[in-house]
C-alpha atoms as a PDB file:
ATOM      1  CA  MET A   1      -9.878  53.781 -59.608  1.00  0.00           C
ATOM      2  CA  THR A   2     -12.612  55.713 -57.596  1.00  0.00           C
ATOM      3  CA  VAL A   3     -13.605  59.065 -58.271  1.00  0.00           C
ATOM      4  CA  TYR A   4     -12.178  60.414 -55.308  1.00  0.00           C
ATOM      5  CA  ASP A   5      -8.757  58.257 -55.834  1.00  0.00           C
ATOM      6  CA  LYS A   6      -8.372  60.625 -59.153  1.00  0.00           C
ATOM      7  CA  LEU A   7      -8.918  63.405 -56.795  1.00  0.00           C
ATOM      8  CA  LYS A   8      -6.378  62.651 -54.394  1.00  0.00           C
ATOM      9  CA  SER A   9      -4.235  61.485 -57.275  1.00  0.00           C
ATOM     10  CA  LEU A  10      -4.323  65.126 -58.875  1.00  0.00           C
ATOM     11  CA  ASN A  11      -3.973  66.882 -55.853  1.00  0.00           C
ATOM     12  CA  ILE A  12      -7.307  68.556 -55.331  1.00  0.00           C
ATOM     13  CA  THR A  13      -9.450  69.038 -52.566  1.00  0.00           C
ATOM     14  CA  LEU A  14     -12.913  69.733 -52.727  1.00  0.00           C
ATOM     15  CA  SER A  15     -14.846  72.725 -50.857  1.00  0.00           C
ATOM     16  CA  PRO A  16     -18.080  72.774 -49.759  1.00  0.00           C
ATOM     17  CA  PRO A  17     -19.999  75.372 -51.914  1.00  0.00           C
ATOM     18  CA  ALA A  18     -20.056  79.294 -50.529  1.00  0.00           C
ATOM     19  CA  ALA A  19     -23.461  80.766 -50.040  1.00  0.00           C
ATOM     20  CA  PRO A  20     -25.502  82.116 -53.381  1.00  0.00           C
ATOM     21  CA  VAL A  21     -24.632  85.935 -52.888  1.00  0.00           C
ATOM     22  CA  ALA A  22     -28.385  86.926 -54.536  1.00  0.00           C
ATOM     23  CA  ALA A  23     -31.552  85.796 -54.642  1.00  0.00           C
ATOM     24  CA  TYR A  24     -30.501  81.880 -55.952  1.00  0.00           C
ATOM     25  CA  VAL A  25     -29.735  78.451 -54.743  1.00  0.00           C
ATOM     26  CA  MET A  26     -26.543  76.730 -55.502  1.00  0.00           C
ATOM     27  CA  TYR A  27     -28.232  73.655 -56.866  1.00  0.00           C
ATOM     28  CA  VAL A  28     -31.591  71.757 -57.675  1.00  0.00           C
ATOM     29  CA  GLN A  29     -32.889  68.210 -58.403  1.00  0.00           C
ATOM     30  CA  THR A  30     -35.258  67.508 -60.400  1.00  0.00           C
ATOM     31  CA  GLY A  31     -35.963  63.395 -60.649  1.00  0.00           C
ATOM     32  CA  ASN A  32     -32.249  62.581 -61.375  1.00  0.00           C
ATOM     33  CA  LEU A  33     -30.582  65.500 -62.743  1.00  0.00           C
ATOM     34  CA  VAL A  34     -28.791  68.195 -60.665  1.00  0.00           C
ATOM     35  CA  PHE A  35     -28.740  71.665 -61.873  1.00  0.00           C
ATOM     36  CA  ILE A  36     -25.514  73.776 -60.584  1.00  0.00           C
ATOM     37  CA  SER A  37     -26.190  77.393 -60.498  1.00  0.00           C
ATOM     38  CA  GLY A  38     -23.026  78.841 -62.205  1.00  0.00           C
ATOM     39  CA  HIS A  39     -19.785  79.508 -60.349  1.00  0.00           C
ATOM     40  CA  ILE A  40     -17.584  81.740 -61.357  1.00  0.00           C
ATOM     41  CA  ALA A  41     -14.145  81.715 -61.225  1.00  0.00           C
ATOM     42  CA  LYS A  42     -12.204  82.985 -58.054  1.00  0.00           C
ATOM     43  CA  ASN A  43      -8.421  83.254 -57.445  1.00  0.00           C
ATOM     44  CA  ALA A  44      -6.887  80.507 -54.396  1.00  0.00           C
ATOM     45  CA  ASP A  45      -7.289  83.787 -51.682  1.00  0.00           C
ATOM     46  CA  GLY A  46     -10.819  83.571 -52.267  1.00  0.00           C
ATOM     47  CA  SER A  47     -11.568  87.254 -54.761  1.00  0.00           C
ATOM     48  CA  VAL A  48     -13.035  87.319 -57.820  1.00  0.00           C
ATOM     49  CA  ASN A  49     -10.723  86.245 -60.653  1.00  0.00           C
ATOM     50  CA  ALA A  50     -12.075  89.458 -63.093  1.00  0.00           C
ATOM     51  CA  GLY A  51     -10.790  90.366 -66.268  1.00  0.00           C
ATOM     52  CA  GLN A  52     -11.494  90.184 -69.739  1.00  0.00           C
ATOM     53  CA  LEU A  53     -10.357  87.369 -72.061  1.00  0.00           C
ATOM     54  CA  GLY A  54      -8.447  89.311 -75.447  1.00  0.00           C
ATOM     55  CA  LYS A  55      -7.747  92.291 -73.223  1.00  0.00           C
ATOM     56  CA  ASP A  56      -5.880  91.327 -69.872  1.00  0.00           C
ATOM     57  CA  ILE A  57      -6.609  87.853 -69.183  1.00  0.00           C
ATOM     58  CA  THR A  58      -4.438  84.868 -71.747  1.00  0.00           C
ATOM     59  CA  THR A  59      -6.221  81.804 -72.925  1.00  0.00           C
ATOM     60  CA  GLU A  60      -4.053  80.195 -70.631  1.00  0.00           C
ATOM     61  CA  GLN A  61      -4.816  81.864 -67.796  1.00  0.00           C
ATOM     62  CA  GLY A  62      -8.770  81.849 -68.932  1.00  0.00           C
ATOM     63  CA  VAL A  63      -7.718  77.579 -68.892  1.00  0.00           C
ATOM     64  CA  ALA A  64      -6.613  77.583 -65.260  1.00  0.00           C
ATOM     65  CA  ALA A  65      -9.786  79.920 -64.659  1.00  0.00           C
ATOM     66  CA  ALA A  66     -12.366  77.489 -66.332  1.00  0.00           C
ATOM     67  CA  ARG A  67     -10.639  74.477 -64.199  1.00  0.00           C
ATOM     68  CA  ALA A  68     -10.340  76.327 -61.167  1.00  0.00           C
ATOM     69  CA  ILE A  69     -14.347  76.460 -61.454  1.00  0.00           C
ATOM     70  CA  ALA A  70     -14.788  72.859 -62.268  1.00  0.00           C
ATOM     71  CA  ILE A  71     -12.959  71.878 -59.377  1.00  0.00           C
ATOM     72  CA  ASP A  72     -15.448  74.238 -57.177  1.00  0.00           C
ATOM     73  CA  LEU A  73     -18.232  72.938 -59.310  1.00  0.00           C
ATOM     74  CA  MET A  74     -17.466  69.371 -58.041  1.00  0.00           C
ATOM     75  CA  GLY A  75     -17.487  69.849 -54.265  1.00  0.00           C
ATOM     76  CA  THR A  76     -21.233  71.486 -54.816  1.00  0.00           C
ATOM     77  CA  LEU A  77     -22.050  68.411 -57.002  1.00  0.00           C
ATOM     78  CA  GLN A  78     -20.661  66.909 -53.658  1.00  0.00           C
ATOM     79  CA  GLU A  79     -23.491  68.304 -51.767  1.00  0.00           C
ATOM     80  CA  ALA A  80     -26.090  67.961 -53.660  1.00  0.00           C
ATOM     81  CA  CYS A  81     -25.070  64.158 -53.450  1.00  0.00           C
ATOM     82  CA  GLY A  82     -24.932  64.121 -50.259  1.00  0.00           C
ATOM     83  CA  GLY A  83     -21.335  63.889 -49.673  1.00  0.00           C
ATOM     84  CA  ASP A  84     -21.021  60.952 -52.545  1.00  0.00           C
ATOM     85  CA  LEU A  85     -19.712  61.605 -55.549  1.00  0.00           C
ATOM     86  CA  GLY A  86     -19.919  57.976 -56.374  1.00  0.00           C
ATOM     87  CA  LYS A  87     -23.438  58.444 -57.053  1.00  0.00           C
ATOM     88  CA  VAL A  88     -23.124  60.632 -60.149  1.00  0.00           C
ATOM     89  CA  LYS A  89     -23.383  58.661 -63.900  1.00  0.00           C
ATOM     90  CA  ARG A  90     -22.994  61.808 -65.997  1.00  0.00           C
ATOM     91  CA  VAL A  91     -21.922  64.914 -66.487  1.00  0.00           C
ATOM     92  CA  VAL A  92     -24.801  66.132 -68.818  1.00  0.00           C
ATOM     93  CA  LYS A  93     -23.393  69.588 -70.321  1.00  0.00           C
ATOM     94  CA  LEU A  94     -21.753  72.537 -69.513  1.00  0.00           C
ATOM     95  CA  MET A  95     -22.613  76.000 -70.248  1.00  0.00           C
ATOM     96  CA  SER A  96     -19.748  78.619 -70.001  1.00  0.00           C
ATOM     97  CA  LEU A  97     -19.797  82.172 -70.319  1.00  0.00           C
ATOM     98  CA  VAL A  98     -16.229  83.743 -71.338  1.00  0.00           C
ATOM     99  CA  ASN A  99     -15.566  87.580 -70.828  1.00  0.00           C
ATOM    100  CA  SER A 100     -14.233  88.214 -73.479  1.00  0.00           C
ATOM    101  CA  THR A 101     -13.480  91.109 -75.864  1.00  0.00           C
ATOM    102  CA  PRO A 102     -15.406  91.240 -79.497  1.00  0.00           C
ATOM    103  CA  GLY A 103     -12.494  90.005 -81.135  1.00  0.00           C
ATOM    104  CA  PHE A 104     -12.057  86.978 -78.665  1.00  0.00           C
ATOM    105  CA  THR A 105     -12.874  83.475 -79.908  1.00  0.00           C
ATOM    106  CA  ASP A 106     -10.896  80.854 -78.225  1.00  0.00           C
ATOM    107  CA  GLN A 107     -13.919  80.769 -75.815  1.00  0.00           C
ATOM    108  CA  HIS A 108     -14.362  76.869 -76.587  1.00  0.00           C
ATOM    109  CA  ILE A 109     -10.325  76.851 -75.931  1.00  0.00           C
ATOM    110  CA  VAL A 110     -10.753  78.460 -72.232  1.00  0.00           C
ATOM    111  CA  THR A 111     -14.070  76.247 -71.271  1.00  0.00           C
ATOM    112  CA  ASN A 112     -11.852  73.091 -72.403  1.00  0.00           C
ATOM    113  CA  GLY A 113     -10.107  73.650 -68.756  1.00  0.00           C
ATOM    114  CA  ALA A 114     -13.379  72.341 -66.880  1.00  0.00           C
ATOM    115  CA  SER A 115     -14.121  70.159 -69.695  1.00  0.00           C
ATOM    116  CA  GLU A 116     -11.206  67.992 -69.650  1.00  0.00           C
ATOM    117  CA  LEU A 117     -10.724  67.587 -65.838  1.00  0.00           C
ATOM    118  CA  LEU A 118     -14.445  66.775 -65.710  1.00  0.00           C
ATOM    119  CA  GLY A 119     -13.474  63.627 -67.922  1.00  0.00           C
ATOM    120  CA  GLU A 120     -10.006  62.738 -66.124  1.00  0.00           C
ATOM    121  CA  VAL A 121     -12.398  62.698 -62.581  1.00  0.00           C
ATOM    122  CA  PHE A 122     -15.146  60.880 -63.941  1.00  0.00           C
ATOM    123  CA  GLY A 123     -13.909  59.430 -67.184  1.00  0.00           C
ATOM    124  CA  ASP A 124     -16.491  58.468 -69.786  1.00  0.00           C
ATOM    125  CA  ALA A 125     -19.069  59.768 -67.398  1.00  0.00           C
ATOM    126  CA  GLY A 126     -17.581  62.965 -67.308  1.00  0.00           C
ATOM    127  CA  LYS A 127     -17.681  63.479 -71.099  1.00  0.00           C
ATOM    128  CA  HIS A 128     -20.482  65.910 -71.572  1.00  0.00           C
ATOM    129  CA  ALA A 129     -22.168  67.499 -74.078  1.00  0.00           C
ATOM    130  CA  ARG A 130     -21.240  71.717 -74.043  1.00  0.00           C
ATOM    131  CA  SER A 131     -21.634  75.224 -75.029  1.00  0.00           C
ATOM    132  CA  ALA A 132     -18.992  77.891 -75.096  1.00  0.00           C
ATOM    133  CA  PHE A 133     -20.166  81.587 -75.219  1.00  0.00           C
ATOM    134  CA  GLY A 134     -18.638  85.372 -75.464  1.00  0.00           C
ATOM    135  CA  VAL A 135     -20.242  87.538 -73.319  1.00  0.00           C
ATOM    136  CA  ALA A 136     -19.583  91.324 -72.481  1.00  0.00           C
ATOM    137  CA  GLN A 137     -19.559  90.713 -68.796  1.00  0.00           C
ATOM    138  CA  ASN A 138     -20.199  88.054 -66.177  1.00  0.00           C
ATOM    139  CA  PRO A 139     -21.383  88.798 -62.495  1.00  0.00           C
ATOM    140  CA  ARG A 140     -18.639  90.701 -60.159  1.00  0.00           C
ATOM    141  CA  GLY A 141     -16.274  91.097 -63.820  1.00  0.00           C
ATOM    142  CA  ALA A 142     -15.394  87.261 -63.167  1.00  0.00           C
ATOM    143  CA  CYS A 143     -13.432  85.886 -66.455  1.00  0.00           C
ATOM    144  CA  VAL A 144     -15.129  82.893 -66.468  1.00  0.00           C
ATOM    145  CA  GLU A 145     -18.729  81.901 -64.867  1.00  0.00           C
ATOM    146  CA  ILE A 146     -19.772  77.817 -65.775  1.00  0.00           C
ATOM    147  CA  GLU A 147     -22.895  75.988 -64.697  1.00  0.00           C
ATOM    148  CA  MET A 148     -23.543  72.405 -64.489  1.00  0.00           C
ATOM    149  CA  ILE A 149     -26.016  69.612 -64.938  1.00  0.00           C
ATOM    150  CA  VAL A 150     -25.320  65.999 -63.907  1.00  0.00           C
ATOM    151  CA  GLU A 151     -27.461  63.145 -63.815  1.00  0.00           C
ATOM    152  CA  VAL A 152     -27.004  60.798 -60.623  1.00  0.00           C
ATOM    153  CA  ALA A 153     -28.112  57.427 -59.374  1.00  0.00           C
END
């Protein structure tokens, strides 16, 4: 099953990346590595999914937000690959920043929303190293922000 067959079976449609809102680019490729800038959690209408885990966002809502970010990351990755996710050799690393209260300790569970989807879509090539941090705030109040490094052919 190709990556696109898997996306279709999961009823996932990838969108082109949004334009950056500050002084950066959405991705940079050096050699065979693509570094994808942090993507923040968004609601279905495109507004920022704002809030703090442990206060006004549940762990389950955080997992769903991280999964949605993974879909956005794949859209950016598709553009970086010239429209062909078949070029992906390996998801190398994710870094997840979870907007959370000092007592919230399930950042790793929230980040599983992205990690598990990438594994589902890319199979063994989707298994990656990862860091999940609790932070006092993310840009625009987003509940989660995730960046990704990918090896491509």
